[in-house]
Amino acid sequence: MFGAPGYMELIVLGVIGLLLFGKRLPEVARSLGKGIVEFKKGMSGIEDEVRSATSTRVEPSIPRPAPATAAVEPAAPKFEPPTVPPA
C-alpha cells in the first residue's frame, strides 16, 4: 500500500519544487546536501562512541602496593558521649 514513490509522484514533487524555489533551487539543494553530510558525520560519531563504550577490553592487572601497617590517626575527631546528665 505504502511504498517508494513512483515516477509520477517524483515528477509532481519536482515541478512543485521548481515552482516554489525557482532560481534558488541549486542553492537549496546544496544546503540540503551539506545538512545530510553533517547528519551522517554526527551519526557515525555517535556509533563510534557507542562501539567504544560497549567493547569490553580487559586490561592486565597491575599489582598494587600493600597499604602501610602503621596506625594512621583519623582526620575527624572521635565522638565522646557527654559525662554530665542533661539539665
N, C-alpha and C. Protein backbone atom coordinates (compact mmCIF):
# COMPACT_ATOMS: atom_id res chain seq x y z
N MET A 1 0.83 -1.18 0.00
CA MET A 1 0.00 0.00 0.00
C MET A 1 0.88 1.25 0.00
N PHE A 2 1.77 1.37 1.01
CA PHE A 2 2.68 2.50 1.06
C PHE A 2 4.06 2.00 0.69
N GLY A 3 4.62 2.55 -0.34
CA GLY A 3 5.94 2.13 -0.77
C GLY A 3 6.72 3.32 -1.26
N ALA A 4 7.71 3.05 -2.05
CA ALA A 4 8.51 4.13 -2.62
C ALA A 4 7.66 4.89 -3.62
N PRO A 5 7.87 6.21 -3.71
CA PRO A 5 7.07 6.99 -4.66
C PRO A 5 7.40 6.58 -6.10
N GLY A 6 6.38 6.57 -6.94
CA GLY A 6 6.56 6.22 -8.34
C GLY A 6 7.09 7.40 -9.14
N TYR A 7 7.22 7.19 -10.44
CA TYR A 7 7.75 8.23 -11.32
C TYR A 7 6.84 9.45 -11.36
N MET A 8 5.56 9.21 -11.38
CA MET A 8 4.62 10.32 -11.47
C MET A 8 4.70 11.21 -10.23
N GLU A 9 4.79 10.60 -9.04
CA GLU A 9 4.89 11.37 -7.81
C GLU A 9 6.19 12.17 -7.78
N LEU A 10 7.29 11.58 -8.25
CA LEU A 10 8.57 12.30 -8.28
C LEU A 10 8.52 13.50 -9.23
N ILE A 11 7.85 13.33 -10.35
CA ILE A 11 7.72 14.44 -11.31
C ILE A 11 6.89 15.56 -10.70
N VAL A 12 5.80 15.21 -10.02
CA VAL A 12 4.95 16.22 -9.39
C VAL A 12 5.74 16.96 -8.30
N LEU A 13 6.51 16.23 -7.49
CA LEU A 13 7.32 16.87 -6.46
C LEU A 13 8.38 17.77 -7.07
N GLY A 14 8.98 17.36 -8.18
CA GLY A 14 9.99 18.18 -8.86
C GLY A 14 9.39 19.47 -9.40
N VAL A 15 8.20 19.38 -9.98
CA VAL A 15 7.54 20.58 -10.50
C VAL A 15 7.19 21.53 -9.36
N ILE A 16 6.69 21.00 -8.27
CA ILE A 16 6.35 21.84 -7.11
C ILE A 16 7.61 22.51 -6.57
N GLY A 17 8.71 21.75 -6.47
CA GLY A 17 9.97 22.33 -6.01
C GLY A 17 10.46 23.42 -6.93
N LEU A 18 10.32 23.20 -8.24
CA LEU A 18 10.76 24.20 -9.21
C LEU A 18 9.91 25.48 -9.11
N LEU A 19 8.61 25.32 -8.90
CA LEU A 19 7.74 26.48 -8.76
C LEU A 19 8.01 27.25 -7.48
N LEU A 20 8.27 26.53 -6.39
CA LEU A 20 8.49 27.19 -5.11
C LEU A 20 9.84 27.88 -5.03
N PHE A 21 10.90 27.21 -5.49
CA PHE A 21 12.25 27.71 -5.29
C PHE A 21 12.84 28.39 -6.52
N GLY A 22 12.42 28.02 -7.70
CA GLY A 22 12.87 28.67 -8.93
C GLY A 22 14.37 28.75 -9.08
N LYS A 23 14.92 29.97 -9.11
CA LYS A 23 16.36 30.16 -9.32
C LYS A 23 17.17 29.75 -8.10
N ARG A 24 16.56 29.69 -6.96
CA ARG A 24 17.29 29.31 -5.74
C ARG A 24 17.40 27.80 -5.56
N LEU A 25 16.85 27.02 -6.48
CA LEU A 25 16.84 25.57 -6.33
C LEU A 25 18.24 24.97 -6.17
N PRO A 26 19.27 25.38 -6.96
CA PRO A 26 20.61 24.82 -6.73
C PRO A 26 21.15 25.16 -5.33
N GLU A 27 20.87 26.36 -4.87
CA GLU A 27 21.33 26.76 -3.53
C GLU A 27 20.65 25.92 -2.46
N VAL A 28 19.36 25.69 -2.61
CA VAL A 28 18.61 24.89 -1.65
C VAL A 28 19.11 23.45 -1.66
N ALA A 29 19.35 22.90 -2.84
CA ALA A 29 19.85 21.53 -2.94
C ALA A 29 21.23 21.40 -2.32
N ARG A 30 22.09 22.41 -2.52
CA ARG A 30 23.44 22.40 -1.95
C ARG A 30 23.38 22.41 -0.43
N SER A 31 22.55 23.27 0.13
CA SER A 31 22.45 23.34 1.59
C SER A 31 21.81 22.07 2.16
N LEU A 32 20.87 21.49 1.43
CA LEU A 32 20.28 20.23 1.86
C LEU A 32 21.32 19.12 1.86
N GLY A 33 22.17 19.08 0.84
CA GLY A 33 23.24 18.08 0.77
C GLY A 33 24.23 18.24 1.90
N LYS A 34 24.59 19.50 2.23
CA LYS A 34 25.51 19.74 3.34
C LYS A 34 24.89 19.28 4.66
N GLY A 35 23.61 19.52 4.80
CA GLY A 35 22.92 19.08 6.02
C GLY A 35 22.93 17.57 6.16
N ILE A 36 22.72 16.88 5.06
CA ILE A 36 22.72 15.41 5.10
C ILE A 36 24.11 14.90 5.45
N VAL A 37 25.16 15.50 4.86
CA VAL A 37 26.53 15.08 5.16
C VAL A 37 26.85 15.29 6.63
N GLU A 38 26.47 16.44 7.19
CA GLU A 38 26.71 16.71 8.61
C GLU A 38 25.95 15.72 9.49
N PHE A 39 24.74 15.39 9.10
CA PHE A 39 23.95 14.41 9.86
C PHE A 39 24.63 13.05 9.87
N LYS A 40 25.14 12.62 8.71
CA LYS A 40 25.82 11.33 8.63
C LYS A 40 27.10 11.33 9.46
N LYS A 41 27.84 12.45 9.46
CA LYS A 41 29.04 12.55 10.28
C LYS A 41 28.69 12.43 11.76
N GLY A 42 27.64 13.09 12.16
CA GLY A 42 27.21 13.01 13.55
C GLY A 42 26.78 11.61 13.94
N MET A 43 26.06 10.95 13.06
CA MET A 43 25.63 9.58 13.35
C MET A 43 26.82 8.63 13.44
N SER A 44 27.81 8.79 12.55
CA SER A 44 28.97 7.90 12.62
C SER A 44 29.77 8.18 13.88
N GLY A 45 29.82 9.44 14.33
CA GLY A 45 30.50 9.75 15.58
C GLY A 45 29.81 9.11 16.76
N ILE A 46 28.49 9.14 16.77
CA ILE A 46 27.73 8.51 17.85
C ILE A 46 27.94 7.00 17.82
N GLU A 47 27.92 6.41 16.63
CA GLU A 47 28.13 4.97 16.52
C GLU A 47 29.52 4.58 17.02
N ASP A 48 30.54 5.39 16.72
CA ASP A 48 31.88 5.11 17.20
C ASP A 48 31.95 5.17 18.72
N GLU A 49 31.28 6.17 19.32
CA GLU A 49 31.27 6.29 20.77
C GLU A 49 30.58 5.09 21.42
N VAL A 50 29.46 4.68 20.85
CA VAL A 50 28.73 3.53 21.41
C VAL A 50 29.57 2.27 21.26
N ARG A 51 30.20 2.10 20.11
CA ARG A 51 31.02 0.92 19.88
C ARG A 51 32.19 0.88 20.86
N SER A 52 32.83 2.02 21.10
CA SER A 52 33.97 2.03 22.02
C SER A 52 33.51 1.84 23.47
N ALA A 53 32.32 2.32 23.80
CA ALA A 53 31.82 2.17 25.17
C ALA A 53 31.38 0.74 25.45
N THR A 54 30.91 0.06 24.44
CA THR A 54 30.42 -1.31 24.68
C THR A 54 31.49 -2.36 24.50
N SER A 55 32.62 -2.00 23.93
CA SER A 55 33.67 -3.00 23.77
C SER A 55 34.27 -3.29 25.13
N THR A 56 34.42 -4.56 25.45
CA THR A 56 34.95 -4.95 26.74
C THR A 56 36.39 -5.39 26.56
N ARG A 57 37.27 -4.47 26.85
CA ARG A 57 38.69 -4.76 26.74
C ARG A 57 39.20 -4.97 28.15
N VAL A 58 39.83 -6.11 28.41
CA VAL A 58 40.33 -6.43 29.73
C VAL A 58 41.78 -5.97 29.83
N GLU A 59 42.03 -5.09 30.76
CA GLU A 59 43.38 -4.60 31.00
C GLU A 59 44.11 -5.60 31.88
N PRO A 60 45.39 -5.81 31.64
CA PRO A 60 46.14 -6.70 32.55
C PRO A 60 46.20 -6.08 33.93
N SER A 61 46.05 -6.93 34.93
CA SER A 61 46.02 -6.40 36.29
C SER A 61 47.43 -6.00 36.72
N ILE A 62 47.53 -4.83 37.30
CA ILE A 62 48.80 -4.30 37.78
C ILE A 62 48.82 -4.49 39.29
N PRO A 63 49.84 -5.15 39.80
CA PRO A 63 49.88 -5.33 41.26
C PRO A 63 50.04 -3.99 41.95
N ARG A 64 49.24 -3.79 42.97
CA ARG A 64 49.27 -2.54 43.72
C ARG A 64 50.03 -2.77 45.03
N PRO A 65 50.71 -1.76 45.50
CA PRO A 65 51.45 -1.94 46.77
C PRO A 65 50.47 -2.11 47.92
N ALA A 66 50.88 -2.91 48.89
CA ALA A 66 50.05 -3.16 50.06
C ALA A 66 50.00 -1.90 50.91
N PRO A 67 48.87 -1.64 51.58
CA PRO A 67 48.79 -0.45 52.43
C PRO A 67 49.74 -0.57 53.61
N ALA A 68 50.18 0.56 54.10
CA ALA A 68 51.10 0.58 55.24
C ALA A 68 50.39 0.05 56.48
N THR A 69 51.12 -0.67 57.30
CA THR A 69 50.51 -1.26 58.50
C THR A 69 50.58 -0.34 59.70
N ALA A 70 51.25 0.79 59.57
CA ALA A 70 51.34 1.73 60.69
C ALA A 70 49.96 2.33 60.96
N ALA A 71 49.66 2.54 62.24
CA ALA A 71 48.38 3.10 62.61
C ALA A 71 48.30 4.56 62.15
N VAL A 72 47.23 4.88 61.46
CA VAL A 72 47.03 6.23 60.97
C VAL A 72 45.95 6.88 61.82
N GLU A 73 46.23 8.07 62.34
CA GLU A 73 45.27 8.80 63.16
C GLU A 73 44.14 9.31 62.27
N PRO A 74 42.88 9.08 62.65
CA PRO A 74 41.77 9.57 61.81
C PRO A 74 41.77 11.10 61.77
N ALA A 75 41.28 11.63 60.67
CA ALA A 75 41.26 13.07 60.47
C ALA A 75 40.12 13.73 61.26
N ALA A 76 39.02 13.02 61.48
CA ALA A 76 37.88 13.59 62.19
C ALA A 76 38.01 13.29 63.68
N PRO A 77 37.48 14.16 64.54
CA PRO A 77 37.56 13.89 65.99
C PRO A 77 36.69 12.71 66.37
N LYS A 78 37.14 11.99 67.39
CA LYS A 78 36.40 10.83 67.88
C LYS A 78 35.23 11.30 68.73
N PHE A 79 34.07 10.64 68.57
CA PHE A 79 32.89 11.01 69.34
C PHE A 79 33.02 10.48 70.76
N GLU A 80 32.80 11.39 71.73
CA GLU A 80 32.79 11.00 73.13
C GLU A 80 31.46 11.45 73.72
N PRO A 81 30.72 10.54 74.31
CA PRO A 81 29.41 10.91 74.87
C PRO A 81 29.61 11.85 76.06
N PRO A 82 28.64 12.73 76.29
CA PRO A 82 28.76 13.66 77.42
C PRO A 82 28.78 12.91 78.76
N THR A 83 29.55 13.43 79.70
CA THR A 83 29.65 12.79 81.03
C THR A 83 28.65 13.37 82.02
N VAL A 84 28.12 14.56 81.72
CA VAL A 84 27.16 15.22 82.61
C VAL A 84 25.76 14.96 82.10
N PRO A 85 24.83 14.60 83.01
CA PRO A 85 23.45 14.39 82.53
C PRO A 85 22.83 15.71 82.06
N PRO A 86 21.88 15.64 81.12
CA PRO A 86 21.26 16.87 80.62
C PRO A 86 20.48 17.57 81.71
N ALA A 87 20.40 18.88 81.64
CA ALA A 87 19.72 19.65 82.68
C ALA A 87 18.25 19.80 82.43
